Amino acid sequence: MSDPINAIRGMNDILPEQTGIWQQLEAVLRETLASYGYDEIRMPVVEKTQLFARSIGASTDIIEKEMYTFNDRNDESLSLRPEGTAGCVRAGIQHGLLYNQEQRLWYMGPLFRYERPQKGRYRQFHQMGAEVFGIAGPDIDAELILMTARIWKKLGIDHLIRLEINSLGSADARNNYRAVLVDYFTEHKDQLDEDSIRRLTANPLRILDSKNPTMQELIENAPRLSEHLDEESAEHFSALCKRLDSAGIEYKINARLVRGLDYYNRTVFEWITDSLGAQGAVCGGGRYDALVEQLGGKSTPAVGFAMGLERLVSLLVDLDQENLKKPDIQLYLARMGEKAEIKALLIAEDLRNIFPGLKILTHCGTGNFKKQLKKADKSGAKLCLILGDDELSENKVTVKFLREQREQQQIAINQLSQWLADENIQN
């Protein structure tokens, strides 16, 4: 026998016992996004490498160390998408969706980064992202944050997540601040780790995001970006805070919050939990007003966010194990004999026509009634409908209650749908 082939490290199977919670989460996301007027867009998982190099920033960890990049047969450099915003902007420019228009778009799917796998950080992971184009004011920043807050409440995890916000200012203000930051960290270069020394010339703001405990005092004493904000950005941020305050959204202003991608400006935010260990950020985003022009489009204000679905699933699983075990199947059809087998299939199809949302499992294959009843009970079904020679001769089915202490009943087949409706079988 040949050796089995396992999945690639950090790229995980989502098994049937887990997909129920994924479907619940995805349904809440779709429902909420639709209620705010967002439209779905679907982009390829493979893009030209140049797209990410021009948008994310050549000196970011993603470009330098984490992208899955390869040359195709035409010797063109392609990459599996490591994030969603760049592809969404590319699609918007390519299909004429952005210039002089307002767009509220969302997408969901897998992304890929070559990282050290650990809980909450995988090489293939899934995100839902929302992007808004053509609106420059702080009102849309506030709406995005309000929408994410509504999602947490719907999922029942709002008490586990907190909001941090900051402003990165304009590109000019950030460049001025960058020079001040380089001077500061250069004076203390002996205290920097290897990653921070590399970032000192390429991307000094990312040093502020370092999790190295030996550098936290140095980072805390660094000059603050808020002291170097341009007036317009300061007013934008103040207006955002005012709107969050009026909506009752609690937040912390984190002067060290910079996000990991180069395209951000002005508003940045993260929703963070303490329930998942080191990988605490479950959602993050902000403004990227220069990115559309940077990728070849006309100047267009833009803002968005992305949330990690694996991390949200972990929170939901930890929060409510019992709800994840609720049965999906409502009816199990057991039968014995060829005629009963054919009739059972027809009954199941008729019931699916009458009750579109009803979950029915029809026994297929061999097995006596005793084994079939064991399978019915294991399925989690509320009822087992039994069809054998006796039932066929009387044109009836026997109903066995699997979750209640009730005597089994015989119901005429032509009255079965009404009886099930009276029993409120779908609830």
Protein backbone atom coordinates (compact mmCIF):
# COMPACT_ATOMS: atom_id res chain seq x y z
CA MET A 1 0.00 0.00 0.00
CA SER A 2 1.38 3.43 -0.94
CA ASP A 3 1.98 6.14 1.66
CA PRO A 4 -0.97 8.50 2.29
CA ILE A 5 -0.74 12.09 1.06
CA ASN A 6 -1.50 14.68 3.74
CA ALA A 7 -2.57 18.29 3.39
CA ILE A 8 0.11 20.98 3.14
CA ARG A 9 1.18 22.29 6.53
CA GLY A 10 -0.89 25.33 7.47
CA MET A 11 -3.60 24.56 4.89
CA ASN A 12 -6.41 22.89 6.76
CA ASP A 13 -9.45 20.84 5.84
CA ILE A 14 -12.76 22.12 7.18
CA LEU A 15 -14.64 18.94 8.07
CA PRO A 16 -18.42 18.36 7.99
CA GLU A 17 -18.61 18.62 11.78
CA GLN A 18 -17.13 22.13 11.51
CA THR A 19 -18.90 23.49 8.42
CA GLY A 20 -22.14 24.22 10.30
CA ILE A 21 -20.53 27.00 12.34
CA TRP A 22 -18.85 28.38 9.19
CA GLN A 23 -22.22 28.50 7.44
CA GLN A 24 -23.81 30.28 10.41
CA LEU A 25 -21.02 32.88 10.43
CA GLU A 26 -21.16 33.41 6.65
CA ALA A 27 -24.95 33.79 6.77
CA VAL A 28 -24.70 36.54 9.41
CA LEU A 29 -22.04 38.34 7.36
CA ARG A 30 -24.04 38.19 4.11
CA GLU A 31 -27.25 39.27 5.84
CA THR A 32 -25.58 42.23 7.58
CA LEU A 33 -23.70 43.43 4.50
CA ALA A 34 -26.89 43.31 2.43
CA SER A 35 -28.73 45.34 5.08
CA TYR A 36 -26.14 48.14 4.62
CA GLY A 37 -26.43 48.09 0.82
CA TYR A 38 -23.15 46.30 -0.01
CA ASP A 39 -22.81 44.24 -3.22
CA GLU A 40 -20.70 41.11 -3.55
CA ILE A 41 -17.70 40.99 -5.89
CA ARG A 42 -15.65 37.85 -6.57
CA MET A 43 -11.99 38.12 -7.66
CA PRO A 44 -9.43 35.48 -8.74
CA VAL A 45 -7.16 33.97 -6.11
CA VAL A 46 -4.17 34.44 -8.48
CA GLU A 47 -3.03 37.90 -9.59
CA LYS A 48 0.06 39.42 -11.17
CA THR A 49 2.80 39.77 -8.55
CA GLN A 50 3.27 43.40 -9.56
CA LEU A 51 -0.21 44.21 -8.22
CA PHE A 52 0.78 43.36 -4.66
CA ALA A 53 4.29 44.83 -4.90
CA ARG A 54 2.83 48.20 -5.99
CA SER A 55 0.01 48.25 -3.43
CA ILE A 56 1.11 46.50 -0.24
CA GLY A 57 4.64 47.88 -0.28
CA ALA A 58 7.89 46.22 -1.30
CA SER A 59 9.34 46.47 2.22
CA THR A 60 6.46 44.74 4.03
CA ASP A 61 6.82 41.24 5.46
CA ILE A 62 4.13 40.03 3.06
CA ILE A 63 6.14 40.93 -0.04
CA GLU A 64 9.57 40.09 1.40
CA LYS A 65 8.79 36.77 3.09
CA GLU A 66 5.19 35.58 2.88
CA MET A 67 3.81 35.55 -0.67
CA TYR A 68 3.37 32.38 -2.70
CA THR A 69 4.92 33.53 -5.99
CA PHE A 70 5.72 31.54 -9.14
CA ASN A 71 6.33 32.00 -12.86
CA ASP A 72 3.72 30.57 -15.21
CA ARG A 73 4.44 29.00 -18.60
CA ASN A 74 4.69 32.44 -20.18
CA ASP A 75 7.36 33.30 -17.60
CA GLU A 76 5.05 35.88 -16.01
CA SER A 77 5.34 36.30 -12.24
CA LEU A 78 2.05 35.43 -10.50
CA SER A 79 1.11 35.25 -6.82
CA LEU A 80 -1.63 33.71 -4.74
CA ARG A 81 -3.46 36.65 -3.20
CA PRO A 82 -2.18 37.46 0.33
CA GLU A 83 -4.94 40.04 0.94
CA GLY A 84 -8.12 41.20 -0.80
CA THR A 85 -8.05 44.98 -1.18
CA ALA A 86 -5.51 45.17 -4.02
CA GLY A 87 -7.48 42.70 -6.15
CA CYS A 88 -10.73 44.54 -5.46
CA VAL A 89 -9.16 47.85 -6.53
CA ARG A 90 -7.70 46.21 -9.65
CA ALA A 91 -11.13 44.80 -10.57
CA GLY A 92 -12.79 48.16 -9.95
CA ILE A 93 -10.34 49.99 -12.21
CA GLN A 94 -10.41 47.32 -14.92
CA HIS A 95 -14.22 47.24 -15.13
CA GLY A 96 -14.86 50.97 -14.74
CA LEU A 97 -16.58 50.75 -11.35
CA LEU A 98 -14.75 53.50 -9.47
CA TYR A 99 -14.23 56.86 -11.18
CA ASN A 100 -16.88 59.44 -10.18
CA GLN A 101 -18.92 56.64 -8.60
CA GLU A 102 -19.74 55.40 -5.13
CA GLN A 103 -19.35 51.68 -4.58
CA ARG A 104 -19.92 49.54 -1.50
CA LEU A 105 -18.45 46.10 -2.22
CA TRP A 106 -17.70 42.94 -0.25
CA TYR A 107 -15.96 39.63 -0.91
CA MET A 108 -15.21 36.42 0.94
CA GLY A 109 -12.74 33.61 0.31
CA PRO A 110 -9.28 32.11 0.83
CA LEU A 111 -5.98 33.99 0.98
CA PHE A 112 -2.43 32.68 1.20
CA ARG A 113 0.69 33.66 3.14
CA TYR A 114 3.76 31.57 3.86
CA GLU A 115 3.90 31.99 7.64
CA ARG A 116 4.74 29.78 10.59
CA PRO A 117 1.43 28.02 11.26
CA GLN A 118 -0.09 28.49 14.71
CA LYS A 119 -3.55 28.94 16.17
CA GLY A 120 -5.22 31.79 14.33
CA ARG A 121 -2.46 32.10 11.70
CA TYR A 122 -2.44 29.72 8.73
CA ARG A 123 -0.93 29.52 5.26
CA GLN A 124 -4.36 29.28 3.68
CA PHE A 125 -6.90 31.33 5.61
CA HIS A 126 -10.25 32.93 4.91
CA GLN A 127 -11.38 36.52 5.13
CA MET A 128 -14.45 38.60 4.51
CA GLY A 129 -13.58 42.07 3.27
CA ALA A 130 -15.65 45.19 2.63
CA GLU A 131 -14.46 48.13 0.54
CA VAL A 132 -16.07 51.54 -0.10
CA PHE A 133 -15.02 53.81 -2.96
CA GLY A 134 -15.87 57.43 -3.74
CA ILE A 135 -16.69 58.72 -0.22
CA ALA A 136 -14.09 60.87 1.52
CA GLY A 137 -15.71 61.89 4.80
CA PRO A 138 -15.51 60.36 8.29
CA ASP A 139 -19.17 59.30 8.11
CA ILE A 140 -18.36 56.23 6.00
CA ASP A 141 -15.45 55.34 8.31
CA ALA A 142 -17.95 55.42 11.18
CA GLU A 143 -20.50 53.35 9.26
CA LEU A 144 -17.95 50.59 8.61
CA ILE A 145 -17.09 50.44 12.30
CA LEU A 146 -20.80 50.45 13.25
CA MET A 147 -21.41 47.61 10.80
CA THR A 148 -18.65 45.49 12.33
CA ALA A 149 -20.03 46.23 15.81
CA ARG A 150 -23.43 45.00 14.64
CA ILE A 151 -21.86 41.78 13.34
CA TRP A 152 -20.23 41.08 16.72
CA LYS A 153 -23.57 41.63 18.45
CA LYS A 154 -25.41 39.32 16.06
CA LEU A 155 -22.78 36.63 16.64
CA GLY A 156 -22.99 37.10 20.42
CA ILE A 157 -19.28 37.88 20.78
CA ASP A 158 -19.44 41.64 21.32
CA HIS A 159 -18.35 41.23 24.96
CA LEU A 160 -15.14 39.50 23.82
CA ILE A 161 -13.92 42.17 21.39
CA ARG A 162 -12.64 45.72 21.84
CA LEU A 163 -11.96 48.49 19.35
CA GLU A 164 -8.69 50.41 18.86
CA ILE A 165 -8.39 53.34 16.43
CA ASN A 166 -5.73 55.76 15.22
CA SER A 167 -4.98 58.21 12.42
CA LEU A 168 -1.94 57.91 10.17
CA GLY A 169 -2.52 61.35 8.64
CA SER A 170 -1.74 62.36 5.07
CA ALA A 171 1.17 61.02 3.03
CA ASP A 172 3.11 64.29 3.56
CA ALA A 173 2.51 64.27 7.32
CA ARG A 174 3.55 60.64 7.52
CA ASN A 175 6.74 61.30 5.56
CA ASN A 176 7.66 64.11 7.95
CA TYR A 177 6.94 61.86 10.91
CA ARG A 178 8.94 59.05 9.29
CA ALA A 179 12.06 61.26 9.33
CA VAL A 180 11.55 62.05 13.03
CA LEU A 181 11.05 58.35 13.78
CA VAL A 182 14.20 57.33 11.90
CA ASP A 183 16.23 59.84 13.91
CA TYR A 184 14.79 58.51 17.18
CA PHE A 185 15.36 54.83 16.47
CA THR A 186 18.81 55.48 14.98
CA GLU A 187 19.85 57.05 18.31
CA HIS A 188 18.74 53.79 20.01
CA LYS A 189 19.83 51.38 17.31
CA ASP A 190 21.59 49.15 19.84
CA GLN A 191 18.18 48.30 21.34
CA LEU A 192 16.57 47.27 18.03
CA ASP A 193 16.11 43.63 17.03
CA GLU A 194 17.05 42.31 13.60
CA ASP A 195 13.62 42.90 12.05
CA SER A 196 13.49 46.48 13.34
CA ILE A 197 16.98 47.31 12.04
CA ARG A 198 15.87 46.10 8.62
CA ARG A 199 12.69 48.20 8.85
CA LEU A 200 14.55 51.31 10.01
CA THR A 201 15.34 52.46 6.49
CA ALA A 202 12.59 50.67 4.60
CA ASN A 203 9.47 51.06 6.78
CA PRO A 204 10.16 52.60 10.21
CA LEU A 205 6.47 52.91 11.14
CA ARG A 206 6.28 49.12 11.28
CA ILE A 207 8.73 49.16 14.18
CA LEU A 208 5.89 50.62 16.25
CA ASP A 209 3.94 47.40 15.62
CA SER A 210 6.71 45.15 16.97
CA LYS A 211 5.61 42.61 19.58
CA ASN A 212 9.15 42.10 20.91
CA PRO A 213 8.78 42.57 24.71
CA THR A 214 12.33 43.91 25.10
CA MET A 215 11.49 46.85 22.80
CA GLN A 216 8.16 47.92 24.29
CA GLU A 217 9.59 50.67 26.53
CA LEU A 218 11.60 52.06 23.60
CA ILE A 219 8.49 52.04 21.40
CA GLU A 220 6.35 53.63 24.11
CA ASN A 221 8.80 56.55 24.39
CA ALA A 222 8.99 57.11 20.63
CA PRO A 223 7.59 60.34 19.13
CA ARG A 224 3.85 60.06 18.46
CA LEU A 225 2.30 60.42 15.04
CA SER A 226 -0.62 62.34 16.56
CA GLU A 227 1.83 65.17 17.29
CA HIS A 228 2.67 65.41 13.57
CA LEU A 229 -0.79 65.11 12.00
CA ASP A 230 -1.79 67.60 9.34
CA GLU A 231 -4.78 69.77 10.26
CA GLU A 232 -7.19 68.16 7.80
CA SER A 233 -6.42 64.65 9.06
CA ALA A 234 -6.76 65.77 12.68
CA GLU A 235 -10.21 67.21 11.89
CA HIS A 236 -11.20 64.01 10.07
CA PHE A 237 -10.18 61.88 13.06
CA SER A 238 -11.94 64.17 15.54
CA ALA A 239 -15.13 63.94 13.46
CA LEU A 240 -14.87 60.15 13.40
CA CYS A 241 -14.51 60.00 17.20
CA LYS A 242 -17.51 62.31 17.57
CA ARG A 243 -19.66 59.96 15.48
CA LEU A 244 -18.51 56.87 17.38
CA ASP A 245 -19.23 58.63 20.68
CA SER A 246 -22.72 59.59 19.55
CA ALA A 247 -23.41 55.96 18.55
CA GLY A 248 -22.21 54.65 21.92
CA ILE A 249 -19.23 52.74 20.46
CA GLU A 250 -16.46 52.27 23.00
CA TYR A 251 -12.92 52.59 21.67
CA LYS A 252 -9.32 53.22 22.65
CA ILE A 253 -7.06 55.57 20.70
CA ASN A 254 -3.86 53.58 20.18
CA ALA A 255 -1.09 55.89 18.95
CA ARG A 256 1.01 52.82 18.03
CA LEU A 257 -1.57 51.29 15.73
CA VAL A 258 -0.17 51.50 12.18
CA ARG A 259 -1.47 48.32 10.42
CA GLY A 260 0.84 46.15 8.34
CA LEU A 261 0.22 47.45 4.82
CA ASP A 262 1.77 50.55 3.26
CA TYR A 263 -1.35 51.83 1.51
CA TYR A 264 -3.19 53.06 4.63
CA ASN A 265 -3.67 56.75 5.44
CA ARG A 266 -5.77 58.64 7.98
CA THR A 267 -8.19 56.30 9.78
CA VAL A 268 -6.94 52.88 10.85
CA PHE A 269 -8.72 50.53 13.26
CA GLU A 270 -8.58 47.04 14.73
CA TRP A 271 -11.04 44.89 16.66
CA ILE A 272 -9.06 42.83 19.17
CA THR A 273 -9.82 39.93 21.50
CA ASP A 274 -7.88 38.51 24.45
CA SER A 275 -9.48 35.07 23.97
CA LEU A 276 -7.22 33.75 21.18
CA GLY A 277 -3.73 34.22 22.61
CA ALA A 278 -1.17 36.04 20.48
CA GLN A 279 -3.38 36.28 17.38
CA GLY A 280 -5.82 38.75 18.90
CA ALA A 281 -6.81 40.90 15.90
CA VAL A 282 -10.04 39.56 14.39
CA CYS A 283 -10.77 42.53 12.10
CA GLY A 284 -8.80 45.51 10.84
CA GLY A 285 -8.95 48.20 8.25
CA GLY A 286 -8.83 51.88 7.45
CA ARG A 287 -8.59 54.46 4.67
CA TYR A 288 -6.41 54.04 1.56
CA ASP A 289 -7.23 57.16 -0.44
CA ALA A 290 -4.16 57.01 -2.73
CA LEU A 291 -4.30 53.34 -3.71
CA VAL A 292 -6.65 53.58 -6.70
CA GLU A 293 -4.43 56.21 -8.36
CA GLN A 294 -1.33 54.25 -7.35
CA LEU A 295 -2.67 51.24 -9.28
CA GLY A 296 -3.45 53.22 -12.42
CA GLY A 297 -6.95 54.58 -11.79
CA LYS A 298 -8.23 58.10 -11.27
CA SER A 299 -7.88 59.57 -7.77
CA THR A 300 -10.63 57.98 -5.64
CA PRO A 301 -11.12 58.08 -1.85
CA ALA A 302 -11.48 54.60 -0.36
CA VAL A 303 -11.85 52.81 2.96
CA GLY A 304 -12.38 49.20 3.98
CA PHE A 305 -11.72 46.36 6.38
CA ALA A 306 -11.13 42.60 6.47
CA MET A 307 -11.97 40.06 9.15
CA GLY A 308 -10.36 36.66 9.72
CA LEU A 309 -12.98 33.90 9.57
CA GLU A 310 -10.86 31.21 11.28
CA ARG A 311 -10.40 33.46 14.30
CA LEU A 312 -14.11 34.26 14.47
CA VAL A 313 -14.95 30.56 14.19
CA SER A 314 -12.57 29.83 17.08
CA LEU A 315 -14.32 32.46 19.20
CA LEU A 316 -17.74 31.03 18.37
CA VAL A 317 -16.67 27.45 19.10
CA ASP A 318 -15.17 28.41 22.47
CA LEU A 319 -18.26 30.44 23.33
CA ASP A 320 -21.00 27.93 22.62
CA GLN A 321 -20.02 24.29 22.25
CA GLU A 322 -23.57 23.05 22.88
CA ASN A 323 -25.15 25.07 20.08
CA LEU A 324 -22.66 23.55 17.64
CA LYS A 325 -24.05 20.11 18.47
CA LYS A 326 -27.67 20.88 17.64
CA PRO A 327 -28.97 18.35 15.08
CA ASP A 328 -29.48 19.44 11.51
CA ILE A 329 -31.57 16.48 10.35
CA GLN A 330 -35.29 16.64 11.13
CA LEU A 331 -36.60 13.45 9.46
CA TYR A 332 -35.03 10.05 8.86
CA LEU A 333 -36.77 7.64 6.47
CA ALA A 334 -36.23 3.95 7.22
CA ARG A 335 -37.55 1.28 4.83
CA MET A 336 -37.36 -2.43 4.13
CA GLY A 337 -37.80 -4.05 0.75
CA GLU A 338 -37.50 -2.80 -2.85
CA LYS A 339 -41.07 -1.48 -3.11
CA ALA A 340 -40.71 0.39 0.19
CA GLU A 341 -37.33 1.73 -0.95
CA ILE A 342 -38.85 3.26 -4.10
CA LYS A 343 -41.85 4.64 -2.18
CA ALA A 344 -39.59 6.13 0.51
CA LEU A 345 -37.59 8.04 -2.13
CA LEU A 346 -40.82 9.42 -3.62
CA ILE A 347 -42.19 10.42 -0.20
CA ALA A 348 -38.92 12.22 0.61
CA GLU A 349 -39.03 14.14 -2.68
CA ASP A 350 -42.67 15.15 -2.13
CA LEU A 351 -41.86 16.40 1.38
CA ARG A 352 -38.90 18.43 0.07
CA ASN A 353 -41.25 20.05 -2.46
CA ILE A 354 -43.76 20.96 0.27
CA PHE A 355 -41.19 21.94 2.94
CA PRO A 356 -38.19 23.43 1.06
CA GLY A 357 -36.15 23.95 4.23
CA LEU A 358 -36.81 20.51 5.72
CA LYS A 359 -33.71 18.37 6.25
CA ILE A 360 -34.47 14.74 5.40
CA LEU A 361 -32.08 11.79 5.44
CA THR A 362 -33.33 8.74 3.55
CA HIS A 363 -31.70 5.43 4.41
CA CYS A 364 -29.74 4.00 1.50
CA GLY A 365 -27.90 0.69 1.31
CA THR A 366 -28.45 -2.42 3.40
CA GLY A 367 -29.40 -2.87 7.04
CA ASN A 368 -32.33 -4.27 9.00
CA PHE A 369 -34.82 -2.02 10.81
CA LYS A 370 -32.86 -2.21 14.07
CA LYS A 371 -29.68 -0.93 12.42
CA GLN A 372 -31.63 1.71 10.54
CA LEU A 373 -33.19 2.99 13.77
CA LYS A 374 -29.73 3.24 15.32
CA LYS A 375 -28.60 5.35 12.35
CA ALA A 376 -31.75 7.46 12.66
CA ASP A 377 -31.00 8.17 16.31
CA LYS A 378 -27.34 8.92 15.59
CA SER A 379 -28.34 11.40 12.85
CA GLY A 380 -29.98 13.64 15.45
CA ALA A 381 -33.34 13.51 13.65
CA LYS A 382 -36.53 14.37 15.56
CA LEU A 383 -38.63 11.72 13.84
CA CYS A 384 -38.09 8.44 12.02
CA LEU A 385 -40.62 7.53 9.33
CA ILE A 386 -40.80 3.75 8.89
CA LEU A 387 -42.02 2.12 5.70
CA GLY A 388 -42.30 -1.67 5.36
CA ASP A 389 -44.66 -4.26 3.88
CA ASP A 390 -47.39 -3.63 6.49
CA GLU A 391 -47.29 0.13 5.96
CA LEU A 392 -47.31 -0.23 2.17
CA SER A 393 -50.37 -2.51 2.23
CA GLU A 394 -52.28 0.15 4.23
CA ASN A 395 -50.74 3.15 2.41
CA LYS A 396 -49.42 4.51 5.73
CA VAL A 397 -46.13 5.30 7.43
CA THR A 398 -45.18 4.61 11.02
CA VAL A 399 -43.84 7.63 12.90
CA LYS A 400 -41.35 6.96 15.68
CA PHE A 401 -40.48 9.88 18.00
CA LEU A 402 -36.74 9.93 18.66
CA ARG A 403 -36.47 12.95 20.98
CA GLU A 404 -39.78 12.75 22.89
CA GLN A 405 -41.44 10.13 25.07
CA ARG A 406 -44.48 9.59 22.84
CA GLU A 407 -46.15 6.50 21.43
CA GLN A 408 -45.38 5.86 17.80
CA GLN A 409 -48.21 6.57 15.37
CA GLN A 410 -49.39 5.48 11.95
CA ILE A 411 -50.23 8.28 9.52
CA ALA A 412 -51.83 7.95 6.09
CA ILE A 413 -49.30 8.89 3.41
CA ASN A 414 -51.69 11.38 1.81
CA GLN A 415 -52.09 13.12 5.20
CA LEU A 416 -48.42 13.05 6.17
CA SER A 417 -47.53 16.59 5.01
CA GLN A 418 -50.43 18.13 6.94
CA TRP A 419 -49.55 16.11 10.05
CA LEU A 420 -45.92 17.29 9.85
CA ALA A 421 -47.09 20.89 9.43
CA ASP A 422 -49.30 20.54 12.52
CA GLU A 423 -46.30 19.13 14.41
CA ASN A 424 -44.28 22.19 13.33
CA ILE A 425 -41.52 19.85 12.20
CA GLN A 426 -39.18 22.59 10.93
CA ASN A 427 -38.84 24.23 14.37
